[in-house]
C-alpha cells in the first residue's frame, strides 16, 4: 500500500502545527510548579533568589499566555475561521461561543484531525 502523499492529506501540516501548540500548552501548564521548585532548590539560600524566581515565574506565565492564545485561536484548515470560537450575532445575545473541546469546527463542521475535506470525496 503506498504511503499517503501531501496531496492526499492537505490539512496534515495544519494539524501538526495545532498538535505542536497543544503539546506546548500542556507541557508549560504541567511543568510550571515543578520547574519553579527546581529553580528554588538550585538557587538555594541566596538573598536575591526571590527576585530571580519572581522573574522566572513571570516569564513562564507570559509564555503560557502566548501559547494558550495560539492554541485557542487555531484557524480551521477548511474555512479559515476560528475552530473553537464562533460569534453569536443574535441581537439579544451578541457574544462569543467558545468550546475548547470542540470535535468539529464551529463554523463549517470540519471534524478535528480530518486529513482532508470529507465532502470533497463525495463530490468526485
N, C-alpha and C. Protein backbone atom coordinates (compact mmCIF):
# COMPACT_ATOMS: atom_id res chain seq x y z
N UNK A 1 0.85 -1.18 0.00
CA UNK A 1 0.00 0.00 0.00
C UNK A 1 0.90 1.24 0.00
N UNK A 2 0.68 2.17 -0.91
CA UNK A 2 1.53 3.36 -0.96
C UNK A 2 1.28 4.28 0.23
N UNK A 3 2.32 4.99 0.59
CA UNK A 3 2.18 5.93 1.71
C UNK A 3 1.39 7.15 1.24
N UNK A 4 0.61 7.74 2.16
CA UNK A 4 -0.18 8.91 1.77
C UNK A 4 0.73 10.09 1.43
N UNK A 5 0.41 10.76 0.36
CA UNK A 5 1.19 11.93 -0.04
C UNK A 5 0.57 13.19 0.53
N UNK A 6 1.26 14.27 0.37
CA UNK A 6 0.75 15.56 0.86
C UNK A 6 -0.52 15.96 0.12
N UNK A 7 -0.67 15.52 -1.13
CA UNK A 7 -1.88 15.83 -1.89
C UNK A 7 -3.09 15.07 -1.33
N UNK A 8 -2.83 13.89 -0.76
CA UNK A 8 -3.92 13.10 -0.16
C UNK A 8 -4.33 13.66 1.20
N UNK A 9 -3.43 14.37 1.84
CA UNK A 9 -3.67 14.91 3.18
C UNK A 9 -3.32 16.40 3.22
N UNK A 10 -4.14 17.25 2.61
CA UNK A 10 -3.79 18.67 2.54
C UNK A 10 -3.82 19.39 3.89
N UNK A 11 -4.52 18.85 4.87
CA UNK A 11 -4.63 19.52 6.17
C UNK A 11 -3.61 19.01 7.18
N UNK A 12 -2.77 18.06 6.79
CA UNK A 12 -1.84 17.43 7.73
C UNK A 12 -0.88 18.43 8.38
N UNK A 13 -0.34 19.34 7.61
CA UNK A 13 0.62 20.32 8.16
C UNK A 13 -0.06 21.24 9.16
N UNK A 14 -1.30 21.61 8.90
CA UNK A 14 -2.03 22.50 9.81
C UNK A 14 -2.31 21.78 11.13
N UNK A 15 -2.72 20.51 11.03
CA UNK A 15 -2.99 19.75 12.26
C UNK A 15 -1.71 19.48 13.04
N UNK A 16 -0.61 19.29 12.33
CA UNK A 16 0.68 19.11 13.01
C UNK A 16 1.03 20.36 13.80
N UNK A 17 0.79 21.53 13.22
CA UNK A 17 1.07 22.79 13.92
C UNK A 17 0.16 22.94 15.14
N UNK A 18 -1.11 22.57 15.00
CA UNK A 18 -2.02 22.63 16.15
C UNK A 18 -1.56 21.67 17.25
N UNK A 19 -1.16 20.46 16.85
CA UNK A 19 -0.70 19.48 17.83
C UNK A 19 0.53 20.00 18.56
N UNK A 20 1.43 20.69 17.87
CA UNK A 20 2.62 21.29 18.49
C UNK A 20 2.21 22.30 19.56
N UNK A 21 1.28 23.22 19.23
CA UNK A 21 0.86 24.23 20.19
C UNK A 21 0.11 23.59 21.36
N UNK A 22 -0.65 22.54 21.08
CA UNK A 22 -1.38 21.85 22.14
C UNK A 22 -0.41 21.17 23.11
N UNK A 23 0.59 20.48 22.60
CA UNK A 23 1.60 19.85 23.46
C UNK A 23 2.37 20.90 24.25
N UNK A 24 2.73 21.99 23.60
CA UNK A 24 3.46 23.06 24.29
C UNK A 24 2.61 23.64 25.42
N UNK A 25 1.33 23.83 25.17
CA UNK A 25 0.41 24.37 26.18
C UNK A 25 0.40 23.47 27.42
N UNK A 26 0.18 22.19 27.22
CA UNK A 26 0.08 21.28 28.35
C UNK A 26 1.43 21.09 29.04
N UNK A 27 2.50 21.11 28.29
CA UNK A 27 3.83 20.98 28.89
C UNK A 27 4.13 22.18 29.80
N UNK A 28 3.86 23.37 29.32
CA UNK A 28 4.11 24.58 30.12
C UNK A 28 3.18 24.59 31.34
N UNK A 29 1.94 24.15 31.16
CA UNK A 29 0.98 24.12 32.27
C UNK A 29 1.43 23.16 33.37
N UNK A 30 1.80 21.94 32.98
CA UNK A 30 2.15 20.90 33.96
C UNK A 30 3.51 21.17 34.60
N UNK A 31 4.44 21.71 33.85
CA UNK A 31 5.80 21.88 34.36
C UNK A 31 6.02 23.16 35.17
N UNK A 32 5.02 24.01 35.28
CA UNK A 32 5.18 25.31 35.94
C UNK A 32 5.69 25.17 37.38
N UNK A 33 4.93 24.54 38.24
CA UNK A 33 5.34 24.43 39.65
C UNK A 33 6.59 23.58 39.85
N UNK A 34 6.71 22.42 39.20
CA UNK A 34 7.95 21.67 39.39
C UNK A 34 9.20 22.44 38.93
N UNK A 35 9.09 23.17 37.84
CA UNK A 35 10.25 23.91 37.35
C UNK A 35 10.64 25.04 38.31
N UNK A 36 9.65 25.73 38.84
CA UNK A 36 9.97 26.79 39.81
C UNK A 36 10.51 26.21 41.11
N UNK A 37 10.00 25.07 41.53
CA UNK A 37 10.53 24.42 42.74
C UNK A 37 11.98 23.98 42.51
N UNK A 38 12.26 23.45 41.33
CA UNK A 38 13.62 23.04 41.00
C UNK A 38 14.55 24.26 40.95
N UNK A 39 14.08 25.36 40.39
CA UNK A 39 14.87 26.59 40.36
C UNK A 39 15.14 27.09 41.78
N UNK A 40 14.13 27.05 42.62
CA UNK A 40 14.29 27.48 44.01
C UNK A 40 15.31 26.61 44.73
N UNK A 41 15.24 25.30 44.50
CA UNK A 41 16.18 24.37 45.14
C UNK A 41 17.59 24.60 44.61
N UNK A 42 17.72 24.87 43.30
CA UNK A 42 19.04 25.08 42.70
C UNK A 42 19.69 26.37 43.18
N UNK A 43 18.89 27.41 43.39
CA UNK A 43 19.45 28.69 43.83
C UNK A 43 19.84 28.66 45.30
N UNK A 44 19.14 27.86 46.08
CA UNK A 44 19.47 27.75 47.50
C UNK A 44 19.15 29.01 48.27
N UNK A 45 19.84 29.24 49.37
CA UNK A 45 19.52 30.38 50.24
C UNK A 45 20.19 31.69 49.81
N UNK A 46 20.18 31.98 48.52
CA UNK A 46 20.75 33.26 48.06
C UNK A 46 19.79 34.39 48.42
N UNK A 47 20.32 35.58 48.76
CA UNK A 47 19.45 36.69 49.14
C UNK A 47 18.56 37.17 47.98
N UNK A 48 19.05 37.09 46.77
CA UNK A 48 18.25 37.59 45.63
C UNK A 48 17.50 36.47 44.91
N UNK A 49 17.39 35.29 45.50
CA UNK A 49 16.73 34.18 44.83
C UNK A 49 15.23 34.44 44.65
N UNK A 50 14.63 35.21 45.56
CA UNK A 50 13.20 35.53 45.43
C UNK A 50 12.90 36.32 44.19
N UNK A 51 13.74 37.27 43.86
CA UNK A 51 13.50 38.08 42.66
C UNK A 51 13.77 37.28 41.40
N UNK A 52 14.73 36.37 41.44
CA UNK A 52 15.00 35.51 40.28
C UNK A 52 13.81 34.60 40.03
N UNK A 53 13.28 34.03 41.09
CA UNK A 53 12.11 33.15 40.95
C UNK A 53 10.90 33.94 40.47
N UNK A 54 10.73 35.16 40.96
CA UNK A 54 9.63 36.01 40.50
C UNK A 54 9.74 36.30 39.01
N UNK A 55 10.93 36.64 38.54
CA UNK A 55 11.13 36.91 37.11
C UNK A 55 10.89 35.65 36.28
N UNK A 56 11.37 34.51 36.78
CA UNK A 56 11.15 33.25 36.07
C UNK A 56 9.66 32.91 36.01
N UNK A 57 8.94 33.11 37.12
CA UNK A 57 7.50 32.85 37.14
C UNK A 57 6.76 33.78 36.20
N UNK A 58 7.15 35.03 36.17
CA UNK A 58 6.51 36.00 35.28
C UNK A 58 6.75 35.63 33.81
N UNK A 59 7.98 35.27 33.49
CA UNK A 59 8.29 34.85 32.12
C UNK A 59 7.52 33.59 31.75
N UNK A 60 7.38 32.65 32.69
CA UNK A 60 6.65 31.41 32.45
C UNK A 60 5.16 31.72 32.20
N UNK A 61 4.60 32.63 32.97
CA UNK A 61 3.19 33.00 32.79
C UNK A 61 2.95 33.69 31.46
N UNK A 62 3.88 34.53 31.04
CA UNK A 62 3.76 35.18 29.73
C UNK A 62 3.84 34.13 28.63
N UNK A 63 4.76 33.19 28.76
CA UNK A 63 4.86 32.11 27.77
C UNK A 63 3.57 31.29 27.74
N UNK A 64 3.00 31.01 28.90
CA UNK A 64 1.75 30.26 28.97
C UNK A 64 0.61 31.02 28.28
N UNK A 65 0.55 32.33 28.49
CA UNK A 65 -0.49 33.14 27.86
C UNK A 65 -0.33 33.15 26.34
N UNK A 66 0.88 33.31 25.86
CA UNK A 66 1.12 33.35 24.41
C UNK A 66 0.79 32.00 23.77
N UNK A 67 1.25 30.92 24.39
CA UNK A 67 0.98 29.60 23.85
C UNK A 67 -0.52 29.29 23.91
N UNK A 68 -1.18 29.66 24.99
CA UNK A 68 -2.62 29.47 25.11
C UNK A 68 -3.39 30.26 24.07
N UNK A 69 -2.93 31.46 23.77
CA UNK A 69 -3.57 32.27 22.73
C UNK A 69 -3.44 31.59 21.38
N UNK A 70 -2.23 31.10 21.07
CA UNK A 70 -2.01 30.43 19.78
C UNK A 70 -2.86 29.17 19.66
N UNK A 71 -2.94 28.41 20.75
CA UNK A 71 -3.72 27.17 20.74
C UNK A 71 -5.22 27.48 20.64
N UNK A 72 -5.70 28.43 21.39
CA UNK A 72 -7.12 28.74 21.43
C UNK A 72 -7.65 29.44 20.19
N UNK A 73 -6.78 30.13 19.47
CA UNK A 73 -7.20 30.84 18.27
C UNK A 73 -6.75 30.12 17.00
N UNK A 74 -6.80 28.82 17.04
CA UNK A 74 -6.44 28.00 15.90
C UNK A 74 -7.45 28.20 14.77
N UNK A 75 -6.94 28.43 13.57
CA UNK A 75 -7.81 28.64 12.40
C UNK A 75 -8.11 27.31 11.72
N UNK A 76 -9.36 27.11 11.37
CA UNK A 76 -9.79 25.88 10.69
C UNK A 76 -9.08 25.78 9.34
N UNK A 77 -8.55 24.59 8.99
CA UNK A 77 -7.87 24.46 7.70
C UNK A 77 -8.81 24.58 6.50
N UNK A 78 -10.10 24.30 6.68
CA UNK A 78 -11.03 24.37 5.55
C UNK A 78 -11.59 25.78 5.35
N UNK A 79 -12.16 26.37 6.40
CA UNK A 79 -12.85 27.66 6.22
C UNK A 79 -12.01 28.85 6.65
N UNK A 80 -10.95 28.63 7.43
CA UNK A 80 -10.10 29.73 7.86
C UNK A 80 -10.62 30.50 9.06
N UNK A 81 -11.80 30.15 9.55
CA UNK A 81 -12.36 30.80 10.74
C UNK A 81 -11.77 30.16 12.00
N UNK A 82 -12.05 30.75 13.16
CA UNK A 82 -11.58 30.18 14.42
C UNK A 82 -12.27 28.84 14.66
N UNK A 83 -11.49 27.80 14.91
CA UNK A 83 -12.02 26.46 15.04
C UNK A 83 -12.87 26.30 16.30
N UNK A 84 -12.44 26.90 17.42
CA UNK A 84 -13.08 26.69 18.71
C UNK A 84 -13.98 27.84 19.15
N UNK A 85 -14.12 28.87 18.33
CA UNK A 85 -14.93 30.03 18.70
C UNK A 85 -15.86 30.43 17.56
N UNK A 86 -17.04 30.92 17.94
CA UNK A 86 -17.98 31.42 16.95
C UNK A 86 -18.76 32.57 17.59
N UNK A 87 -18.94 33.63 16.81
CA UNK A 87 -19.69 34.77 17.31
C UNK A 87 -21.17 34.53 17.10
N UNK A 88 -21.93 34.66 18.17
CA UNK A 88 -23.39 34.52 18.11
C UNK A 88 -23.97 35.91 17.91
N UNK A 89 -24.43 36.19 16.70
CA UNK A 89 -24.85 37.54 16.34
C UNK A 89 -26.33 37.82 16.61
N UNK A 90 -27.00 36.96 17.33
CA UNK A 90 -28.40 37.24 17.64
C UNK A 90 -28.47 38.53 18.47
N UNK A 91 -29.44 39.41 18.19
CA UNK A 91 -29.48 40.72 18.86
C UNK A 91 -29.54 40.62 20.39
N UNK A 92 -30.22 39.65 20.92
CA UNK A 92 -30.34 39.54 22.37
C UNK A 92 -29.15 38.82 23.01
N UNK A 93 -28.27 38.27 22.18
CA UNK A 93 -27.12 37.52 22.69
C UNK A 93 -25.81 38.27 22.44
N UNK A 94 -25.46 38.45 21.18
CA UNK A 94 -24.25 39.16 20.74
C UNK A 94 -23.03 38.84 21.61
N UNK A 95 -22.60 37.58 21.53
CA UNK A 95 -21.49 37.13 22.36
C UNK A 95 -20.74 36.02 21.63
N UNK A 96 -19.51 35.78 22.08
CA UNK A 96 -18.71 34.69 21.52
C UNK A 96 -19.08 33.39 22.21
N UNK A 97 -19.26 32.34 21.41
CA UNK A 97 -19.41 31.00 21.95
C UNK A 97 -18.04 30.34 21.83
N UNK A 98 -17.60 29.70 22.90
CA UNK A 98 -16.27 29.12 22.92
C UNK A 98 -16.36 27.70 23.47
N UNK A 99 -15.83 26.75 22.73
CA UNK A 99 -15.78 25.36 23.18
C UNK A 99 -14.37 24.83 22.92
N UNK A 100 -13.50 24.83 23.94
CA UNK A 100 -12.12 24.37 23.72
C UNK A 100 -12.02 22.88 23.46
N UNK A 101 -13.10 22.13 23.67
CA UNK A 101 -13.09 20.69 23.43
C UNK A 101 -13.89 20.31 22.19
N UNK A 102 -14.15 21.27 21.32
CA UNK A 102 -14.95 21.00 20.12
C UNK A 102 -14.30 19.92 19.26
N UNK A 103 -15.13 19.01 18.77
CA UNK A 103 -14.64 17.94 17.91
C UNK A 103 -14.84 18.30 16.44
N UNK A 104 -15.55 19.39 16.18
CA UNK A 104 -15.77 19.88 14.82
C UNK A 104 -15.62 21.40 14.82
N UNK A 105 -15.25 21.93 13.66
CA UNK A 105 -15.16 23.39 13.52
C UNK A 105 -16.52 23.99 13.84
N UNK A 106 -16.54 25.05 14.60
CA UNK A 106 -17.80 25.67 14.98
C UNK A 106 -18.42 26.47 13.84
N UNK A 107 -17.71 26.58 12.71
CA UNK A 107 -18.23 27.31 11.55
C UNK A 107 -18.65 26.37 10.43
N UNK A 108 -17.73 25.53 9.97
CA UNK A 108 -18.02 24.70 8.80
C UNK A 108 -18.25 23.23 9.13
N UNK A 109 -17.97 22.82 10.37
CA UNK A 109 -18.22 21.44 10.78
C UNK A 109 -17.13 20.45 10.41
N UNK A 110 -15.96 20.92 9.99
CA UNK A 110 -14.86 20.01 9.66
C UNK A 110 -14.47 19.23 10.92
N UNK A 111 -14.43 17.89 10.85
CA UNK A 111 -14.03 17.11 12.02
C UNK A 111 -12.58 17.40 12.41
N UNK A 112 -12.35 17.41 13.72
CA UNK A 112 -10.99 17.62 14.21
C UNK A 112 -10.12 16.47 13.75
N UNK A 113 -8.91 16.77 13.32
CA UNK A 113 -7.90 15.84 12.83
C UNK A 113 -8.22 15.27 11.45
N UNK A 114 -9.20 15.81 10.74
CA UNK A 114 -9.51 15.32 9.39
C UNK A 114 -8.34 15.61 8.46
N UNK A 115 -7.81 14.60 7.76
CA UNK A 115 -6.65 14.83 6.89
C UNK A 115 -7.02 15.56 5.60
N UNK A 116 -8.29 15.51 5.22
CA UNK A 116 -8.77 16.20 4.01
C UNK A 116 -10.24 16.55 4.20
N UNK A 117 -10.78 17.27 3.28
CA UNK A 117 -12.19 17.66 3.34
C UNK A 117 -13.05 16.41 3.11
N UNK A 118 -13.87 16.01 4.09
CA UNK A 118 -14.68 14.80 3.91
C UNK A 118 -15.74 14.95 2.83
N UNK A 119 -16.16 16.17 2.52
CA UNK A 119 -17.18 16.38 1.48
C UNK A 119 -16.58 16.36 0.08
N UNK A 120 -15.28 16.54 -0.04
CA UNK A 120 -14.65 16.58 -1.37
C UNK A 120 -14.71 15.22 -2.05
N UNK A 121 -14.56 14.12 -1.29
CA UNK A 121 -14.60 12.78 -1.90
C UNK A 121 -15.99 12.44 -2.38
N UNK A 122 -17.04 12.96 -1.74
CA UNK A 122 -18.40 12.70 -2.16
C UNK A 122 -18.74 13.46 -3.44
N UNK A 123 -18.09 14.58 -3.66
CA UNK A 123 -18.39 15.40 -4.84
C UNK A 123 -17.72 14.87 -6.09
N UNK A 124 -16.70 14.00 -5.96
CA UNK A 124 -15.97 13.48 -7.11
C UNK A 124 -16.73 12.40 -7.79
